């Protein structure tokens, strides 16, 4: 990383941060292979101006907390100008910050201040679609069929005698239809346009050179401002078969009409060339949901993305056989391309682990989310603690979604009249949506807003916080050595200092049924007990950390222990 960038950050940091040293690991070109990356859903992290919405000022005020937690990078969900029809994933302008979050100067200052603390910044880009308020799309709506303005999107005439039928019947990721019909200037029904998500998110046509050029410009714009990487939303959906055929029953690899098409790889090769043209490692991280591990790995070839999210591990049930199968398959998929795996337990789209692991079905699938699902939160918390240590010990990089380090459960008592997620509305109220994992963080105090806003703020948080979160605030947990926050801080400190952790290899150790045991290099062993009974630990020199206290020297059920096995 350019030392000039670092010195600029020091000068502009708040006074209370100016004495902090720069982490020397900031210059490591392979930082991403072992990094702990903290996901910030900016609306819900911290509110700096008291309007009820999290913002850049709030993040800047909490950088010390993130440093003490022990993270290497921050991934921000979209902070750009947007109507927020889908939480910012409907981007109107990539070069403008949403006014509720701040402005471009604040974003630049945040990037510098975090970097001076040894924390890099990763931003989100959303290349599959744009906002219906994007000037390009407004121009397309105002232009006639066949116009150049419409060629940047997927406009098509409808089928049937009067064009009343959708051009095809592709399935939406958000339930509901994937096509919306336009209205002509004279009031008559017009063409249809494609949106794999909401109507407010029209899909872009990646066969058009303007689309390709625009996103390459966006990458350069933010790399010029010091960001260390880009997380690519819905990375396997960009390219469509121009004939827009129906999805066949039997699909040849690379021939799905809207997912994982072979042409995608040329796009990401061009992006990698841009990233590699900058000093220091600027990384590309893909959001790729694919069941075929070989197809998944193609995106991680040395001239494409650096890493991609490993959703398989996150979606598996709390079961030793299932989790080992996921770990083995992911490591095997990454090995041929030399890429590190990533490990993640949740994100802004997924039911929080404390809730998920306390249910009869501990796996995750969007299609099965329902209201009023019974949950044992005590059991879920116990398993979440064990899962946190298990995932942090695996080879590769680790993602932590804000609030998971506090053991926050899914907020399931949000009144339906204040829900905002389009997944709830497009499912006709069947799917509770994703607002429950997006509730503002509790920082201090005994009642809402729990320090999320400055004292004396008149505005309520944009989503209501539960009344029983007083024991889950940062302030409450920071002083409790048995808290989830203390567990995360200790685990991430050990992970950073231990030479065997992070990137590297894993060797399984034979263990009884229901137990996952492996070594990492020399002298480190992780043991996770998913069985119903306590188990003996293998010979060791020292217990480094355990997710729950040992019982008469035994590792209890639903617990993980980290062991030093050599002096």
Protein backbone atom coordinates (compact mmCIF):
# COMPACT_ATOMS: atom_id res chain seq x y z
CA UNK A 1 0.00 0.00 0.00
CA UNK A 2 1.29 3.45 -0.88
CA UNK A 3 2.77 5.05 2.25
CA UNK A 4 1.46 8.39 1.03
CA UNK A 5 -2.05 7.07 1.46
CA UNK A 6 -1.24 5.99 4.99
CA UNK A 7 0.20 9.36 5.98
CA UNK A 8 -2.84 11.15 4.57
CA UNK A 9 -5.04 8.98 6.76
CA UNK A 10 -3.14 9.88 9.91
CA UNK A 11 -3.49 13.59 9.31
CA UNK A 12 -7.24 13.41 8.86
CA UNK A 13 -8.03 11.04 11.70
CA UNK A 14 -10.02 12.21 14.70
CA UNK A 15 -7.73 13.45 17.48
CA UNK A 16 -8.39 10.42 19.71
CA UNK A 17 -7.08 8.09 16.97
CA UNK A 18 -4.00 10.02 15.89
CA UNK A 19 -1.68 8.36 18.40
CA UNK A 20 -2.54 4.84 17.27
CA UNK A 21 0.18 2.96 15.38
CA UNK A 22 -0.29 1.66 11.85
CA UNK A 23 -0.57 -2.10 11.72
CA UNK A 24 2.44 -3.36 9.70
CA UNK A 25 0.32 -6.13 8.14
CA UNK A 26 -1.36 -3.46 6.01
CA UNK A 27 1.40 -3.84 3.42
CA UNK A 28 1.04 -7.63 3.11
CA UNK A 29 0.04 -8.44 -0.51
CA UNK A 30 -1.52 -11.73 0.59
CA UNK A 31 -3.57 -10.26 3.43
CA UNK A 32 -6.82 -11.46 1.87
CA UNK A 33 -5.89 -15.13 2.17
CA UNK A 34 -6.16 -15.08 5.98
CA UNK A 35 -8.18 -11.92 6.65
CA UNK A 36 -10.97 -11.49 9.17
CA UNK A 37 -13.50 -9.32 7.37
CA UNK A 38 -16.31 -7.60 9.26
CA UNK A 39 -19.52 -6.89 7.37
CA UNK A 40 -21.14 -3.53 8.06
CA UNK A 41 -24.79 -3.01 7.16
CA UNK A 42 -24.42 0.71 7.44
CA UNK A 43 -28.05 1.62 8.22
CA UNK A 44 -27.84 -0.45 11.38
CA UNK A 45 -24.27 -0.14 12.66
CA UNK A 46 -24.17 3.25 14.42
CA UNK A 47 -26.04 6.54 13.98
CA UNK A 48 -23.77 9.55 14.23
CA UNK A 49 -26.24 12.38 13.61
CA UNK A 50 -29.31 11.17 15.53
CA UNK A 51 -31.74 10.76 12.64
CA UNK A 52 -32.38 7.06 13.37
CA UNK A 53 -30.27 5.75 10.47
CA UNK A 54 -26.73 4.44 10.73
CA UNK A 55 -24.17 6.47 8.82
CA UNK A 56 -20.51 7.01 8.03
CA UNK A 57 -20.08 9.30 11.02
CA UNK A 58 -21.32 6.49 13.23
CA UNK A 59 -18.82 4.03 11.75
CA UNK A 60 -15.97 6.50 12.13
CA UNK A 61 -16.85 6.94 15.80
CA UNK A 62 -16.63 3.17 16.36
CA UNK A 63 -13.38 2.40 14.56
CA UNK A 64 -11.70 1.82 17.90
CA UNK A 65 -14.21 -0.92 18.66
CA UNK A 66 -13.46 -2.63 15.34
CA UNK A 67 -9.71 -2.38 15.94
CA UNK A 68 -10.11 -3.94 19.39
CA UNK A 69 -12.28 -6.69 17.96
CA UNK A 70 -9.34 -7.66 15.78
CA UNK A 71 -10.64 -7.38 12.21
CA UNK A 72 -8.49 -6.84 9.13
CA UNK A 73 -11.07 -5.32 6.78
CA UNK A 74 -14.58 -3.88 6.65
CA UNK A 75 -17.06 -4.86 3.96
CA UNK A 76 -19.77 -2.26 3.48
CA UNK A 77 -23.08 -3.14 1.90
CA UNK A 78 -24.01 -0.43 -0.65
CA UNK A 79 -23.61 3.10 0.67
CA UNK A 80 -24.45 4.83 -2.61
CA UNK A 81 -27.31 7.07 -3.68
CA UNK A 82 -30.37 4.83 -3.89
CA UNK A 83 -34.15 4.86 -3.37
CA UNK A 84 -33.51 1.96 -0.94
CA UNK A 85 -36.18 -0.22 -2.51
CA UNK A 86 -33.91 -3.15 -1.63
CA UNK A 87 -31.71 -1.82 1.15
CA UNK A 88 -29.36 -0.03 -1.26
CA UNK A 89 -28.94 -2.89 -3.73
CA UNK A 90 -30.85 -0.69 -6.17
CA UNK A 91 -28.01 1.72 -6.94
CA UNK A 92 -28.80 5.07 -8.54
CA UNK A 93 -25.28 6.54 -8.62
CA UNK A 94 -22.04 4.79 -7.64
CA UNK A 95 -20.12 8.04 -7.25
CA UNK A 96 -22.50 9.62 -4.75
CA UNK A 97 -23.06 8.55 -1.14
CA UNK A 98 -26.67 8.23 0.01
CA UNK A 99 -27.41 11.47 1.90
CA UNK A 100 -28.68 9.52 4.92
CA UNK A 101 -25.21 7.99 5.24
CA UNK A 102 -23.06 11.08 4.60
CA UNK A 103 -21.11 12.26 1.59
CA UNK A 104 -18.14 11.30 -0.55
CA UNK A 105 -15.68 13.27 1.54
CA UNK A 106 -16.76 11.32 4.64
CA UNK A 107 -16.37 8.02 2.80
CA UNK A 108 -12.86 9.00 1.74
CA UNK A 109 -12.02 10.02 5.32
CA UNK A 110 -13.37 6.73 6.66
CA UNK A 111 -11.24 4.74 4.22
CA UNK A 112 -8.12 6.65 5.34
CA UNK A 113 -8.90 6.49 9.06
CA UNK A 114 -9.57 2.77 8.98
CA UNK A 115 -6.43 2.12 6.96
CA UNK A 116 -4.35 4.00 9.50
CA UNK A 117 -5.60 1.49 12.07
CA UNK A 118 -4.65 -1.44 9.85
CA UNK A 119 -8.20 -1.99 8.62
CA UNK A 120 -8.93 -2.11 4.89
CA UNK A 121 -12.22 -1.24 3.21
CA UNK A 122 -14.19 -3.43 0.80
CA UNK A 123 -17.19 -1.97 -1.02
CA UNK A 124 -20.18 -3.59 -2.69
CA UNK A 125 -20.95 -3.36 -6.39
CA UNK A 126 -24.18 -4.63 -7.91
CA UNK A 127 -23.54 -5.37 -11.59
CA UNK A 128 -26.61 -7.47 -12.40
CA UNK A 129 -29.05 -4.59 -12.14
CA UNK A 130 -29.43 -0.91 -11.43
CA UNK A 131 -32.10 1.30 -9.88
CA UNK A 132 -35.27 2.26 -11.70
CA UNK A 133 -34.23 5.82 -10.79
CA UNK A 134 -30.94 5.46 -12.67
CA UNK A 135 -30.80 8.10 -15.45
CA UNK A 136 -30.10 5.33 -17.94
CA UNK A 137 -33.33 3.55 -17.09
CA UNK A 138 -35.36 6.74 -17.02
CA UNK A 139 -34.06 7.53 -20.50
CA UNK A 140 -34.97 4.02 -21.64
CA UNK A 141 -38.54 4.38 -20.38
CA UNK A 142 -38.84 7.71 -22.20
CA UNK A 143 -37.54 6.24 -25.46
CA UNK A 144 -39.41 4.13 -28.02
CA UNK A 145 -38.99 0.38 -28.55
CA UNK A 146 -35.80 -0.45 -30.40
CA UNK A 147 -34.06 2.74 -29.27
CA UNK A 148 -30.37 2.76 -28.25
CA UNK A 149 -31.40 3.75 -24.72
CA UNK A 150 -33.35 0.51 -24.28
CA UNK A 151 -30.49 -1.66 -25.49
CA UNK A 152 -28.71 -1.26 -22.14
CA UNK A 153 -31.52 -3.28 -20.52
CA UNK A 154 -33.77 -6.19 -21.47
CA UNK A 155 -36.89 -4.73 -23.05
CA UNK A 156 -39.04 -7.14 -25.01
CA UNK A 157 -42.56 -7.24 -26.49
CA UNK A 158 -44.98 -9.51 -24.67
CA UNK A 159 -46.31 -12.78 -25.99
CA UNK A 160 -49.90 -13.50 -26.89
CA UNK A 161 -52.31 -11.71 -29.21
CA UNK A 162 -52.03 -8.34 -27.44
CA UNK A 163 -48.60 -8.80 -25.88
CA UNK A 164 -50.22 -9.38 -22.48
CA UNK A 165 -48.06 -12.37 -21.59
CA UNK A 166 -44.56 -12.06 -20.13
CA UNK A 167 -41.70 -12.78 -22.57
CA UNK A 168 -40.69 -15.82 -20.50
CA UNK A 169 -41.33 -17.39 -17.10
CA UNK A 170 -38.00 -17.13 -15.33
CA UNK A 171 -38.18 -17.46 -11.55
CA UNK A 172 -37.43 -14.41 -9.40
CA UNK A 173 -34.97 -14.53 -6.53
CA UNK A 174 -37.51 -12.49 -4.56
CA UNK A 175 -40.71 -14.38 -5.44
CA UNK A 176 -43.19 -12.79 -7.82
CA UNK A 177 -42.79 -12.04 -11.52
CA UNK A 178 -39.53 -11.26 -13.30
CA UNK A 179 -41.08 -8.95 -15.90
CA UNK A 180 -42.92 -5.64 -15.61
CA UNK A 181 -44.88 -4.07 -18.45
CA UNK A 182 -44.29 -0.45 -19.35
CA UNK A 183 -46.86 2.14 -20.42
CA UNK A 184 -46.47 4.05 -23.69
CA UNK A 185 -46.74 7.87 -23.77
CA UNK A 186 -50.27 7.56 -25.13
CA UNK A 187 -51.31 5.40 -22.18
CA UNK A 188 -51.38 2.10 -24.04
CA UNK A 189 -49.52 -0.97 -22.71
CA UNK A 190 -45.93 -1.12 -23.93
CA UNK A 191 -42.97 -3.47 -23.81
CA UNK A 192 -41.89 -5.51 -20.81
CA UNK A 193 -38.54 -5.21 -19.00
CA UNK A 194 -36.64 -7.90 -17.10
CA UNK A 195 -35.83 -7.79 -13.36
CA UNK A 196 -34.62 -10.93 -11.64
CA UNK A 197 -35.22 -9.13 -8.35
CA UNK A 198 -37.77 -6.31 -7.83
CA UNK A 199 -39.33 -4.07 -10.52
CA UNK A 200 -37.24 -1.27 -8.99
CA UNK A 201 -34.10 -3.21 -10.04
CA UNK A 202 -34.05 -3.55 -13.86
CA UNK A 203 -31.45 -6.01 -15.13
CA UNK A 204 -28.60 -4.60 -17.19
CA UNK A 205 -27.63 -6.00 -20.58
CA UNK A 206 -23.99 -7.01 -20.30
CA UNK A 207 -23.76 -7.48 -24.05
CA UNK A 208 -23.80 -3.67 -24.32
CA UNK A 209 -20.38 -1.93 -24.24
CA UNK A 210 -21.73 0.97 -22.16
CA UNK A 211 -22.49 -1.38 -19.28
CA UNK A 212 -19.04 -2.90 -19.32
CA UNK A 213 -17.37 0.52 -19.50
CA UNK A 214 -19.49 1.95 -16.70
CA UNK A 215 -18.54 -0.71 -14.18
CA UNK A 216 -14.88 -0.57 -15.10
CA UNK A 217 -15.06 3.16 -14.41
CA UNK A 218 -16.71 2.47 -11.04
CA UNK A 219 -13.89 0.12 -10.06
CA UNK A 220 -11.24 2.70 -10.91
CA UNK A 221 -13.17 5.45 -9.12
CA UNK A 222 -13.13 3.59 -5.81
CA UNK A 223 -9.69 2.01 -6.17
CA UNK A 224 -8.39 5.55 -6.71
CA UNK A 225 -9.90 6.40 -3.32
CA UNK A 226 -8.08 3.64 -1.53
CA UNK A 227 -10.57 0.80 -1.23
CA UNK A 228 -8.86 -2.56 -0.96
CA UNK A 229 -11.49 -4.67 -2.63
CA UNK A 230 -14.89 -5.12 -4.18
CA UNK A 231 -17.61 -7.57 -3.18
CA UNK A 232 -19.59 -8.50 -6.30
CA UNK A 233 -23.29 -8.98 -5.68
CA UNK A 234 -25.13 -11.78 -7.52
CA UNK A 235 -21.92 -12.38 -9.44
CA UNK A 236 -23.16 -15.37 -11.44
CA UNK A 237 -26.28 -13.68 -12.86
CA UNK A 238 -24.97 -10.87 -15.07
CA UNK A 239 -24.95 -12.49 -18.51
CA UNK A 240 -28.17 -13.68 -20.17
CA UNK A 241 -28.82 -15.70 -23.30
CA UNK A 242 -29.91 -12.93 -25.71
CA UNK A 243 -32.78 -15.10 -26.93
CA UNK A 244 -34.17 -15.19 -23.35
CA UNK A 245 -35.41 -18.79 -23.63
CA UNK A 246 -37.23 -20.66 -20.89
CA UNK A 247 -35.05 -22.56 -18.42
CA UNK A 248 -34.77 -26.15 -19.72
CA UNK A 249 -35.15 -29.18 -17.47
CA UNK A 250 -31.71 -30.52 -18.39
CA UNK A 251 -29.07 -27.79 -18.42
CA UNK A 252 -25.58 -28.21 -19.80
CA UNK A 253 -22.89 -26.52 -17.65
CA UNK A 254 -22.50 -22.92 -18.68
CA UNK A 255 -25.71 -22.92 -20.73
CA UNK A 256 -28.30 -21.79 -18.20
CA UNK A 257 -30.09 -18.81 -19.78
CA UNK A 258 -29.43 -16.45 -16.85
CA UNK A 259 -27.00 -18.07 -14.39
CA UNK A 260 -23.32 -19.06 -14.49
CA UNK A 261 -22.87 -18.53 -18.22
CA UNK A 262 -19.38 -19.02 -19.60
CA UNK A 263 -19.23 -15.45 -20.90
CA UNK A 264 -19.04 -14.19 -17.30
CA UNK A 265 -15.40 -15.15 -17.00
CA UNK A 266 -14.27 -12.62 -19.59
CA UNK A 267 -15.91 -9.89 -17.51
CA UNK A 268 -14.09 -10.87 -14.34
CA UNK A 269 -10.78 -11.24 -16.15
CA UNK A 270 -11.09 -7.64 -17.27
CA UNK A 271 -11.93 -6.60 -13.69
CA UNK A 272 -8.91 -8.50 -12.37
CA UNK A 273 -6.66 -6.65 -14.80
CA UNK A 274 -7.92 -3.37 -13.36
CA UNK A 275 -7.45 -4.54 -9.77
CA UNK A 276 -3.94 -5.79 -10.49
CA UNK A 277 -2.96 -2.48 -12.08
CA UNK A 278 -3.07 -0.82 -8.63
CA UNK A 279 -0.33 -0.91 -6.04
CA UNK A 280 -1.08 -3.35 -3.25
CA UNK A 281 -3.57 -6.19 -3.41
CA UNK A 282 -7.01 -4.95 -4.53
CA UNK A 283 -9.27 -7.96 -4.30
CA UNK A 284 -12.43 -9.20 -6.01
CA UNK A 285 -14.85 -11.20 -3.83
CA UNK A 286 -17.78 -12.93 -5.51
CA UNK A 287 -21.22 -13.66 -4.13
CA UNK A 288 -21.72 -16.93 -5.96
CA UNK A 289 -24.49 -19.38 -5.08
CA UNK A 290 -23.70 -22.48 -7.16
CA UNK A 291 -24.20 -26.15 -6.22
CA UNK A 292 -21.53 -27.35 -8.68
CA UNK A 293 -18.17 -26.99 -6.93
CA UNK A 294 -16.21 -27.26 -10.18
CA UNK A 295 -18.22 -24.45 -11.77
CA UNK A 296 -17.78 -22.45 -8.57
CA UNK A 297 -14.01 -22.86 -8.64
CA UNK A 298 -13.73 -21.53 -12.20
CA UNK A 299 -14.42 -18.04 -10.87
CA UNK A 300 -11.35 -18.34 -8.63
CA UNK A 301 -8.76 -19.03 -11.27
CA UNK A 302 -5.64 -16.86 -10.82
CA UNK A 303 -6.75 -14.30 -13.41
CA UNK A 304 -10.32 -13.90 -12.12
CA UNK A 305 -11.64 -13.36 -8.57
CA UNK A 306 -9.48 -13.70 -5.50
CA UNK A 307 -12.13 -15.33 -3.30
CA UNK A 308 -15.85 -16.11 -3.23
CA UNK A 309 -18.31 -16.63 -0.43
CA UNK A 310 -18.67 -20.20 0.77
CA UNK A 311 -22.41 -20.36 1.37
CA UNK A 312 -22.54 -24.15 1.53
CA UNK A 313 -20.97 -24.24 5.00
CA UNK A 314 -23.33 -21.54 6.29
CA UNK A 315 -26.41 -23.35 4.99
CA UNK A 316 -25.56 -26.78 6.43
CA UNK A 317 -27.32 -28.09 9.55
CA UNK A 318 -25.57 -28.40 12.91
CA UNK A 319 -24.41 -31.94 12.23
CA UNK A 320 -20.87 -33.32 12.27
CA UNK A 321 -21.19 -35.36 9.09
CA UNK A 322 -22.80 -32.50 7.17
CA UNK A 323 -20.25 -29.93 8.28
CA UNK A 324 -17.26 -32.16 7.57
CA UNK A 325 -18.66 -32.93 4.12
CA UNK A 326 -18.99 -29.21 3.45
CA UNK A 327 -15.49 -28.44 4.69
CA UNK A 328 -13.96 -31.23 2.61
CA UNK A 329 -15.86 -30.32 -0.55
CA UNK A 330 -15.01 -26.63 -0.29
CA UNK A 331 -11.31 -27.22 0.36
CA UNK A 332 -11.22 -29.69 -2.53
CA UNK A 333 -12.94 -27.20 -4.85
CA UNK A 334 -10.48 -24.44 -4.01
CA UNK A 335 -7.31 -26.54 -4.15
CA UNK A 336 -6.94 -26.82 -7.95
CA UNK A 337 -7.05 -23.04 -8.42
CA UNK A 338 -4.93 -22.22 -5.37
CA UNK A 339 -7.56 -19.96 -3.81
CA UNK A 340 -8.35 -19.85 -0.09
CA UNK A 341 -11.83 -20.72 1.06
CA UNK A 342 -13.95 -18.25 2.98
CA UNK A 343 -16.01 -19.14 6.04
CA UNK A 344 -19.13 -17.30 7.08
CA UNK A 345 -21.97 -18.08 9.47
CA UNK A 346 -24.39 -15.36 8.40
CA UNK A 347 -24.85 -12.04 6.61
CA UNK A 348 -27.50 -9.38 6.01
CA UNK A 349 -29.69 -11.87 4.12
CA UNK A 350 -29.60 -14.84 6.48
CA UNK A 351 -31.30 -15.79 9.77
CA UNK A 352 -28.82 -15.13 12.57
CA UNK A 353 -26.97 -18.21 13.90
CA UNK A 354 -28.26 -17.90 17.48
CA UNK A 355 -31.79 -18.32 16.17
CA UNK A 356 -31.04 -20.73 13.34
CA UNK A 357 -29.05 -23.17 15.47
CA UNK A 358 -31.78 -23.25 18.10
CA UNK A 359 -34.39 -24.70 15.74
CA UNK A 360 -35.37 -28.23 14.84
CA UNK A 361 -34.08 -27.55 11.31
CA UNK A 362 -30.68 -25.92 11.81
CA UNK A 363 -29.93 -25.56 8.09
CA UNK A 364 -30.71 -22.43 6.11
CA UNK A 365 -32.77 -22.01 2.95
CA UNK A 366 -34.61 -18.90 1.81
CA UNK A 367 -37.61 -20.97 0.76
CA UNK A 368 -38.24 -22.29 4.27
CA UNK A 369 -38.26 -19.02 6.24
CA UNK A 370 -41.58 -18.64 8.05
CA UNK A 371 -43.08 -16.66 10.91
CA UNK A 372 -43.44 -18.21 14.38
CA UNK A 373 -40.86 -20.96 14.00
CA UNK A 374 -40.07 -22.37 17.49
CA UNK A 375 -36.55 -21.58 18.71
CA UNK A 376 -34.47 -22.53 21.76
CA UNK A 377 -32.25 -19.44 22.02
CA UNK A 378 -30.09 -20.84 24.82
CA UNK A 379 -29.25 -23.87 22.68
CA UNK A 380 -28.74 -21.65 19.65
CA UNK A 381 -26.32 -19.41 21.55
CA UNK A 382 -24.33 -22.39 22.78
CA UNK A 383 -24.02 -23.79 19.26
CA UNK A 384 -23.22 -20.36 17.82
CA UNK A 385 -20.29 -20.03 20.19
CA UNK A 386 -19.02 -23.43 19.13
CA UNK A 387 -19.55 -22.59 15.44
CA UNK A 388 -17.65 -19.31 15.84
CA UNK A 389 -14.53 -21.13 17.03
CA UNK A 390 -14.92 -23.91 14.48
CA UNK A 391 -15.15 -21.50 11.55
CA UNK A 392 -12.33 -19.29 12.85
CA UNK A 393 -9.99 -22.30 12.95
CA UNK A 394 -10.59 -23.38 9.34
CA UNK A 395 -8.08 -22.57 6.57
CA UNK A 396 -8.67 -19.33 4.69
CA UNK A 397 -10.44 -16.07 5.46
CA UNK A 398 -13.29 -15.43 7.89
CA UNK A 399 -16.32 -13.14 7.58
CA UNK A 400 -18.18 -11.82 10.62
CA UNK A 401 -21.55 -10.13 10.20
CA UNK A 402 -22.12 -7.20 12.54
CA UNK A 403 -23.85 -8.30 15.73
CA UNK A 404 -22.85 -11.94 15.49
CA UNK A 405 -19.92 -11.10 17.76
CA UNK A 406 -22.55 -10.04 20.33
CA UNK A 407 -24.62 -13.20 19.94
CA UNK A 408 -27.63 -11.25 18.70
CA UNK A 409 -30.65 -13.41 17.84
CA UNK A 410 -32.93 -12.74 14.90
CA UNK A 411 -35.37 -9.97 15.86
CA UNK A 412 -38.65 -11.74 15.24
CA UNK A 413 -41.06 -9.41 17.00
CA UNK A 414 -40.86 -6.53 14.53
CA UNK A 415 -44.41 -5.29 13.85
CA UNK A 416 -45.41 -6.22 10.31
CA UNK A 417 -46.47 -2.65 9.61
CA UNK A 418 -42.84 -1.47 9.84
CA UNK A 419 -41.22 -4.31 7.85
CA UNK A 420 -39.37 -3.00 4.80
CA UNK A 421 -37.80 -5.98 3.05
CA UNK A 422 -39.22 -6.67 -0.43
CA UNK A 423 -38.95 -10.42 0.18
CA UNK A 424 -41.79 -10.05 2.71
CA UNK A 425 -44.02 -8.08 0.38
CA UNK A 426 -43.36 -10.10 -2.79
CA UNK A 427 -44.20 -13.33 -0.94
CA UNK A 428 -47.57 -11.88 0.08
CA UNK A 429 -46.47 -11.90 3.71
CA UNK A 430 -45.49 -15.58 3.84
CA UNK A 431 -41.74 -14.98 4.07
CA UNK A 432 -40.83 -12.80 7.10
CA UNK A 433 -38.02 -11.30 5.04
CA UNK A 434 -34.57 -10.22 6.16
CA UNK A 435 -35.30 -7.27 8.44
CA UNK A 436 -34.86 -9.45 11.53
CA UNK A 437 -31.10 -9.68 11.00
CA UNK A 438 -30.81 -5.98 10.10
CA UNK A 439 -32.02 -4.40 13.35
CA UNK A 440 -29.70 -1.63 14.65
CA UNK A 441 -26.90 -2.74 16.96
CA UNK A 442 -27.12 -2.24 20.73
CA UNK A 443 -24.10 -0.37 22.07
CA UNK A 444 -24.96 0.62 25.65
CA UNK A 445 -27.77 1.31 28.09
CA UNK A 446 -30.72 -0.72 29.30
CA UNK A 447 -33.44 0.21 26.81
CA UNK A 448 -33.77 1.14 23.13
CA UNK A 449 -32.02 2.69 21.28
CA UNK A 450 -29.18 1.20 23.37
CA UNK A 451 -26.65 3.85 22.39
CA UNK A 452 -27.22 3.36 18.66
CA UNK A 453 -27.90 7.11 18.45
CA UNK A 454 -26.32 10.07 20.29
CA UNK A 455 -27.90 10.92 23.62
CA UNK A 456 -30.95 13.13 23.27
CA UNK A 457 -31.80 12.10 19.71
CA UNK A 458 -35.45 12.60 18.87
CA UNK A 459 -35.70 10.05 16.07
CA UNK A 460 -36.33 6.37 16.71
CA UNK A 461 -34.08 3.82 14.94
CA UNK A 462 -35.26 2.95 11.43
CA UNK A 463 -36.14 -0.54 12.66
CA UNK A 464 -37.26 -1.13 16.26
CA UNK A 465 -34.93 -2.98 18.63
CA UNK A 466 -36.20 -5.65 21.03
CA UNK A 467 -36.84 -4.59 24.61
CA UNK A 468 -34.78 -7.47 26.03
CA UNK A 469 -31.38 -6.67 24.50
CA UNK A 470 -29.88 -4.84 27.52
CA UNK A 471 -27.59 -7.78 28.26
CA UNK A 472 -26.44 -7.92 24.63
CA UNK A 473 -25.00 -4.42 24.34
CA UNK A 474 -21.32 -3.88 23.62
CA UNK A 475 -20.94 -2.17 27.01
CA UNK A 476 -22.53 -5.06 28.89
CA UNK A 477 -20.54 -7.74 27.08
CA UNK A 478 -17.20 -5.92 27.15
CA UNK A 479 -17.09 -6.29 30.93
CA UNK A 480 -18.11 -9.96 30.93
CA UNK A 481 -15.32 -12.47 30.32
CA UNK A 482 -17.92 -15.15 29.51
CA UNK A 483 -19.73 -13.08 26.85
CA UNK A 484 -19.86 -13.73 23.14
CA UNK A 485 -17.92 -10.50 22.53
CA UNK A 486 -15.12 -11.63 24.82
CA UNK A 487 -15.05 -14.99 23.04
CA UNK A 488 -14.70 -13.31 19.64
CA UNK A 489 -12.03 -10.88 20.82
CA UNK A 490 -9.96 -13.68 22.30
CA UNK A 491 -10.45 -15.97 19.32
CA UNK A 492 -9.48 -13.33 16.78
CA UNK A 493 -6.42 -12.37 18.84
CA UNK A 494 -5.27 -16.00 18.92
CA UNK A 495 -6.05 -16.38 15.23
CA UNK A 496 -3.91 -13.37 14.34
CA UNK A 497 -0.95 -14.37 16.52
CA UNK A 498 -0.86 -18.13 15.93
CA UNK A 499 1.27 -19.01 12.89
CA UNK A 500 -0.82 -22.09 12.02
CA UNK A 501 -4.14 -20.23 11.67
CA UNK A 502 -5.52 -18.36 8.69
CA UNK A 503 -4.34 -19.59 5.30
CA UNK A 504 -2.82 -23.05 5.14
CA UNK A 505 -3.73 -26.70 5.41
CA UNK A 506 -5.96 -28.82 7.62
CA UNK A 507 -5.43 -32.41 8.76
CA UNK A 508 -8.35 -34.37 10.18
CA UNK A 509 -7.81 -36.36 13.36
CA UNK A 510 -9.80 -39.52 14.03
CA UNK A 511 -12.52 -38.88 16.59
CA UNK A 512 -15.70 -40.51 17.83
CA UNK A 513 -19.01 -40.04 16.07
CA UNK A 514 -20.35 -36.52 16.29
CA UNK A 515 -16.93 -34.93 16.87
CA UNK A 516 -14.90 -32.85 14.40
CA UNK A 517 -11.20 -32.73 15.22
CA UNK A 518 -8.39 -31.37 13.09
CA UNK A 519 -4.89 -29.94 13.38
CA UNK A 520 -3.55 -26.78 11.77
CA UNK A 521 0.19 -27.01 11.27
CA UNK A 522 2.28 -27.91 14.28
CA UNK A 523 0.92 -27.42 17.74
CA UNK A 524 -2.71 -26.43 17.15
CA UNK A 525 -5.78 -28.64 17.31
CA UNK A 526 -9.48 -27.77 17.18
CA UNK A 527 -12.15 -30.09 18.59
CA UNK A 528 -15.89 -29.52 18.13
CA UNK A 529 -18.31 -31.80 19.96
CA UNK A 530 -21.64 -32.00 18.12
CA UNK A 531 -22.65 -35.21 19.90
CA UNK A 532 -25.09 -35.46 22.79
CA UNK A 533 -22.52 -36.39 25.44
CA UNK A 534 -19.31 -34.83 26.83
CA UNK A 535 -16.08 -36.15 25.29
CA UNK A 536 -12.48 -36.43 26.35
CA UNK A 537 -10.03 -34.02 24.82
CA UNK A 538 -6.97 -35.41 23.04
CA UNK A 539 -3.56 -35.03 24.72
CA UNK A 540 -2.53 -31.40 24.82
CA UNK A 541 -0.17 -28.98 26.54
CA UNK A 542 -2.68 -26.20 27.10
CA UNK A 543 -6.30 -25.30 26.55
CA UNK A 544 -6.15 -22.09 24.53
CA UNK A 545 -9.87 -21.38 24.43
CA UNK A 546 -13.20 -23.15 24.71
CA UNK A 547 -16.66 -21.97 23.72
CA UNK A 548 -18.09 -23.32 26.99
CA UNK A 549 -16.29 -24.29 30.21
CA UNK A 550 -15.06 -27.85 30.46
CA UNK A 551 -16.99 -30.23 32.73
CA UNK A 552 -14.64 -32.34 34.84
CA UNK A 553 -12.06 -32.03 32.09
CA UNK A 554 -14.52 -33.10 29.38
CA UNK A 555 -15.69 -31.03 26.41
CA UNK A 556 -19.47 -30.64 26.71
CA UNK A 557 -21.95 -31.16 23.91
CA UNK A 558 -22.23 -28.32 21.37
CA UNK A 559 -18.81 -26.93 22.26
CA UNK A 560 -15.47 -26.23 20.59
CA UNK A 561 -12.02 -26.24 22.18
CA UNK A 562 -8.74 -24.92 20.80
CA UNK A 563 -5.69 -26.78 22.05
CA UNK A 564 -1.96 -26.24 22.05
CA UNK A 565 -0.47 -29.66 21.48
CA UNK A 566 3.24 -28.83 21.57
CA UNK A 567 5.49 -26.59 23.69
